[in-house]
Amino acid sequence: WTVIHANTKNYGLCSSYPSVLVVPRSIVGSDDGNNFEGSGMGILRRCAAFRSENRFPVLTWGSSEHGGSIWRSSQPKVGLQGYRSTEDERYLYAIGEEAKRANLAADARAEGGVGSGSSVGRYPKEFLRMLCGRNNESDLIMEGSNSSCMLKIMDMRPKSAAMANRTQGYGYENTNYYRGSTINFYGIGNIHAVRDAYQKVHALCLNPNTSDIQWMQLVENTNWPSMTRLILSASWQ
């Protein structure tokens, strides 16, 4: 990854992003991150144009020890016609490739020499299985036939909502075009639904007339516990 100052001019690239961003190093190439106006900038502009509100994928967290990282973005402008962006596809592939290279470098450091991509220096498989309760363990333990998956696209919406958004010109990534990726939907309501559930449970807790006998049912009726379960479940994945 590399730090760039591509959003400093009146936040022209994305008005809701900070001025300093972190992107895959291979996208920047030889361009200067402080004076970023080369071919890499063109890729970023086209990626941003393909995403709702210009929110193209940017780094929000990255491990200092290996290639593990979390990137955030808005939904792509796929629409009912299934539009594509080769720049967006290239950009997401670069994220996965950079992670793969970082993992190889981590293996080399763990082995004290040139690594070959083995699992030396990574978390033991049994530890990963314990974390996920053996659910979706193939997503955590990437080897064999699953080793080609370098990028997990985690769409927090219900799939029905993502499909419905295609009628408005948006939608979700088609993994047939995004090499080395998978996509999963986690069924979490939008920000308004989460806020509504929180406000209901907040009001319930502060109401002095709340029935103790019906407490558990009243809490469940706010949808806050189910919303929290979905969010925590997605975080484990």
Protein backbone atom coordinates (compact mmCIF):
# COMPACT_ATOMS: atom_id res chain seq x y z
CA TRP A 1 0.00 0.00 0.00
CA THR A 2 0.99 3.60 -0.30
CA VAL A 3 -0.23 6.94 1.03
CA ILE A 4 -1.42 9.49 -1.53
CA HIS A 5 -2.65 13.08 -1.34
CA ALA A 6 -5.07 12.74 -4.24
CA ASN A 7 -8.10 14.26 -2.53
CA THR A 8 -6.58 17.54 -1.38
CA LYS A 9 -7.94 19.81 -4.14
CA ASN A 10 -11.34 20.75 -2.71
CA TYR A 11 -11.96 17.05 -2.05
CA GLY A 12 -12.65 16.72 -5.75
CA LEU A 13 -12.08 12.96 -5.91
CA CYS A 14 -14.60 12.16 -3.17
CA SER A 15 -16.23 14.83 -1.02
CA SER A 16 -16.82 12.46 1.93
CA TYR A 17 -13.25 11.07 2.06
CA PRO A 18 -10.26 12.64 3.85
CA SER A 19 -7.51 14.40 1.92
CA VAL A 20 -4.99 11.61 2.58
CA LEU A 21 -5.83 8.12 1.32
CA VAL A 22 -4.15 4.70 1.20
CA VAL A 23 -4.37 2.73 -2.05
CA PRO A 24 -2.60 -0.28 -3.63
CA ARG A 25 1.00 0.62 -4.48
CA SER A 26 0.78 -0.98 -7.93
CA ILE A 27 -1.99 1.46 -8.91
CA VAL A 28 0.22 4.45 -8.14
CA GLY A 29 3.28 3.03 -9.86
CA SER A 30 6.05 5.60 -10.16
CA ASP A 31 3.74 8.56 -9.49
CA ASP A 32 4.58 10.81 -6.57
CA GLY A 33 2.01 10.38 -3.80
CA ASN A 34 2.32 14.07 -2.93
CA ASN A 35 1.85 15.20 -6.52
CA PHE A 36 -0.42 12.52 -7.82
CA GLU A 37 -1.58 13.38 -11.34
CA GLY A 38 -0.35 10.53 -13.54
CA SER A 39 -2.05 7.45 -15.01
CA GLY A 40 -2.85 6.21 -11.51
CA MET A 41 -4.99 9.27 -10.89
CA GLY A 42 -6.99 8.47 -14.01
CA ILE A 43 -7.68 4.98 -12.68
CA LEU A 44 -8.84 6.39 -9.35
CA ARG A 45 -11.15 8.90 -11.04
CA ARG A 46 -12.79 6.20 -13.14
CA CYS A 47 -13.09 3.91 -10.10
CA ALA A 48 -14.72 6.74 -8.16
CA ALA A 49 -17.09 7.49 -11.03
CA PHE A 50 -18.22 3.84 -10.97
CA ARG A 51 -19.11 3.96 -7.26
CA SER A 52 -22.04 5.60 -5.49
CA GLU A 53 -21.06 9.05 -4.15
CA ASN A 54 -17.57 8.44 -5.64
CA ARG A 55 -16.64 6.28 -2.65
CA PHE A 56 -14.11 3.96 -4.28
CA PRO A 57 -12.32 1.31 -2.14
CA VAL A 58 -9.78 2.77 0.32
CA LEU A 59 -7.87 1.23 3.20
CA THR A 60 -9.44 1.55 6.66
CA TRP A 61 -7.25 -0.98 8.51
CA GLY A 62 -4.15 -2.94 7.61
CA SER A 63 -1.91 -5.36 9.48
CA SER A 64 1.72 -4.39 9.94
CA GLU A 65 2.70 -8.06 10.00
CA HIS A 66 1.04 -9.53 6.88
CA GLY A 67 -1.36 -8.72 4.04
CA GLY A 68 -4.56 -8.73 6.07
CA SER A 69 -6.53 -5.52 5.54
CA ILE A 70 -10.02 -4.02 5.47
CA TRP A 71 -11.16 -1.68 2.69
CA ARG A 72 -14.42 0.21 2.48
CA SER A 73 -16.41 1.48 -0.48
CA SER A 74 -19.92 2.19 -1.63
CA GLN A 75 -21.91 0.06 -4.05
CA PRO A 76 -20.95 -0.05 -7.73
CA LYS A 77 -23.09 1.47 -10.47
CA VAL A 78 -23.98 -1.84 -12.11
CA GLY A 79 -27.66 -1.26 -12.84
CA LEU A 80 -30.02 -3.63 -14.62
CA GLN A 81 -27.74 -3.65 -17.67
CA GLY A 82 -24.85 -5.08 -15.67
CA TYR A 83 -22.40 -2.29 -16.44
CA ARG A 84 -18.70 -2.91 -15.80
CA SER A 85 -15.63 -0.83 -15.08
CA THR A 86 -12.31 -2.37 -16.10
CA GLU A 87 -10.54 0.15 -13.87
CA ASP A 88 -12.61 -0.88 -10.86
CA GLU A 89 -11.95 -4.55 -11.60
CA ARG A 90 -8.23 -3.86 -11.95
CA TYR A 91 -8.20 -1.84 -8.73
CA LEU A 92 -9.84 -4.57 -6.63
CA TYR A 93 -7.57 -7.20 -8.16
CA ALA A 94 -4.59 -5.04 -7.18
CA ILE A 95 -5.80 -5.04 -3.56
CA GLY A 96 -5.75 -8.84 -3.54
CA GLU A 97 -2.39 -9.05 -5.32
CA GLU A 98 -0.76 -6.64 -2.88
CA ALA A 99 -2.13 -8.69 0.03
CA LYS A 100 -0.72 -11.84 -1.52
CA ARG A 101 2.72 -10.24 -1.89
CA ALA A 102 2.60 -9.01 1.71
CA ASN A 103 1.75 -12.52 2.90
CA LEU A 104 4.71 -13.95 0.98
CA ALA A 105 6.96 -11.33 2.56
CA ALA A 106 5.60 -12.25 6.01
CA ASP A 107 6.35 -15.92 5.31
CA ALA A 108 9.89 -15.01 4.29
CA ARG A 109 10.45 -13.06 7.49
CA ALA A 110 9.07 -15.93 9.58
CA GLU A 111 11.36 -18.42 7.84
CA GLY A 112 14.38 -16.16 8.09
CA GLY A 113 14.88 -16.24 4.35
CA VAL A 114 13.08 -16.27 1.05
CA GLY A 115 9.56 -17.62 1.63
CA SER A 116 7.53 -19.82 -0.67
CA GLY A 117 4.07 -18.94 0.57
CA SER A 118 3.76 -21.64 3.23
CA SER A 119 1.73 -21.18 6.39
CA VAL A 120 4.79 -20.69 8.62
CA GLY A 121 4.36 -17.67 10.86
CA ARG A 122 0.58 -17.51 10.48
CA TYR A 123 -2.07 -18.43 13.00
CA PRO A 124 -2.42 -22.23 13.49
CA LYS A 125 -5.37 -23.79 11.71
CA GLU A 126 -6.90 -25.06 14.95
CA PHE A 127 -6.82 -21.52 16.36
CA LEU A 128 -8.68 -20.22 13.30
CA ARG A 129 -11.21 -23.04 13.57
CA MET A 130 -11.77 -22.16 17.21
CA LEU A 131 -12.42 -18.52 16.26
CA CYS A 132 -15.04 -19.32 13.65
CA GLY A 133 -16.56 -22.35 15.39
CA ARG A 134 -15.77 -24.31 12.21
CA ASN A 135 -18.34 -22.22 10.36
CA ASN A 136 -17.06 -20.91 7.02
CA GLU A 137 -13.61 -22.12 7.99
CA SER A 138 -12.57 -22.31 4.33
CA ASP A 139 -12.85 -18.52 4.19
CA LEU A 140 -10.31 -18.19 7.01
CA ILE A 141 -7.98 -21.04 6.06
CA MET A 142 -7.08 -20.40 2.45
CA GLU A 143 -5.27 -23.32 0.90
CA GLY A 144 -5.66 -25.81 -1.88
CA SER A 145 -8.56 -25.02 -4.21
CA ASN A 146 -9.45 -21.93 -2.20
CA SER A 147 -5.99 -20.35 -2.38
CA SER A 148 -6.97 -18.35 -5.46
CA CYS A 149 -9.43 -16.31 -3.37
CA MET A 150 -7.52 -13.22 -2.34
CA LEU A 151 -10.39 -10.77 -1.79
CA LYS A 152 -13.56 -11.21 0.24
CA ILE A 153 -16.27 -8.72 -0.71
CA MET A 154 -18.51 -8.35 2.33
CA ASP A 155 -21.79 -6.66 1.45
CA MET A 156 -23.54 -5.75 4.69
CA ARG A 157 -26.97 -5.46 3.05
CA PRO A 158 -29.58 -8.15 2.59
CA LYS A 159 -29.11 -9.56 -0.91
CA SER A 160 -32.71 -8.61 -1.73
CA ALA A 161 -31.87 -4.95 -1.05
CA ALA A 162 -28.72 -5.14 -3.16
CA MET A 163 -30.70 -6.63 -6.05
CA ALA A 164 -33.44 -4.02 -5.69
CA ASN A 165 -30.83 -1.26 -5.92
CA ARG A 166 -30.03 -2.39 -9.45
CA THR A 167 -33.28 -0.81 -10.57
CA GLN A 168 -31.85 2.53 -9.40
CA GLY A 169 -28.60 2.09 -11.31
CA TYR A 170 -26.57 0.51 -8.50
CA GLY A 171 -26.14 -3.07 -7.26
CA TYR A 172 -23.21 -5.30 -6.34
CA GLU A 173 -20.02 -6.76 -7.80
CA ASN A 174 -20.23 -9.68 -10.23
CA THR A 175 -17.41 -11.97 -9.12
CA ASN A 176 -17.19 -13.42 -12.63
CA TYR A 177 -15.43 -10.19 -13.54
CA TYR A 178 -13.51 -9.62 -10.29
CA ARG A 179 -10.74 -12.20 -10.34
CA GLY A 180 -9.80 -13.92 -7.10
CA SER A 181 -12.84 -12.65 -5.19
CA THR A 182 -15.92 -13.92 -3.41
CA ILE A 183 -19.00 -12.01 -2.27
CA ASN A 184 -21.32 -12.61 0.67
CA PHE A 185 -24.33 -10.70 1.98
CA TYR A 186 -24.89 -10.27 5.72
CA GLY A 187 -28.48 -9.07 5.95
CA ILE A 188 -27.89 -5.98 8.10
CA GLY A 189 -30.48 -3.22 7.79
CA ASN A 190 -29.49 0.26 6.67
CA ILE A 191 -28.38 2.97 9.08
CA HIS A 192 -31.97 4.09 9.60
CA ALA A 193 -33.08 0.59 10.64
CA VAL A 194 -30.16 0.24 13.07
CA ARG A 195 -30.83 3.69 14.54
CA ASP A 196 -34.53 2.91 14.92
CA ALA A 197 -33.78 -0.33 16.80
CA TYR A 198 -31.34 1.48 19.09
CA GLN A 199 -33.80 4.26 19.87
CA LYS A 200 -36.50 1.70 20.72
CA VAL A 201 -34.32 -0.23 23.15
CA HIS A 202 -33.06 3.05 24.62
CA ALA A 203 -36.62 4.24 25.23
CA LEU A 204 -37.56 0.87 26.69
CA CYS A 205 -34.70 0.96 29.19
CA LEU A 206 -35.59 4.48 30.34
CA ASN A 207 -39.32 3.86 30.65
CA PRO A 208 -40.19 3.42 34.37
CA ASN A 209 -43.44 1.67 33.45
CA THR A 210 -41.79 -1.16 31.52
CA SER A 211 -43.11 -4.56 32.57
CA ASP A 212 -40.47 -6.76 34.23
CA ILE A 213 -42.44 -9.89 33.39
CA GLN A 214 -42.41 -9.13 29.65
CA TRP A 215 -38.92 -7.64 29.62
CA MET A 216 -37.20 -10.23 27.43
CA GLN A 217 -39.98 -10.17 24.84
CA LEU A 218 -40.10 -6.37 24.82
CA VAL A 219 -36.35 -6.19 24.22
CA GLU A 220 -36.59 -8.68 21.35
CA ASN A 221 -39.43 -6.65 19.82
CA THR A 222 -37.11 -3.66 19.44
CA ASN A 223 -35.02 -5.69 16.93
CA TRP A 224 -31.88 -4.44 18.66
CA PRO A 225 -30.68 -7.92 19.78
CA SER A 226 -31.19 -9.39 16.30
CA MET A 227 -29.46 -6.39 14.73
CA THR A 228 -26.53 -6.80 17.12
CA ARG A 229 -26.30 -10.52 16.36
CA LEU A 230 -26.08 -9.83 12.63
CA ILE A 231 -23.38 -7.18 13.10
CA LEU A 232 -21.29 -9.40 15.41
CA SER A 233 -21.69 -12.36 13.08
CA ALA A 234 -20.46 -10.29 10.14
CA SER A 235 -17.48 -9.04 12.18
CA TRP A 236 -16.39 -12.64 12.83
CA GLN A 237 -16.35 -13.37 9.12
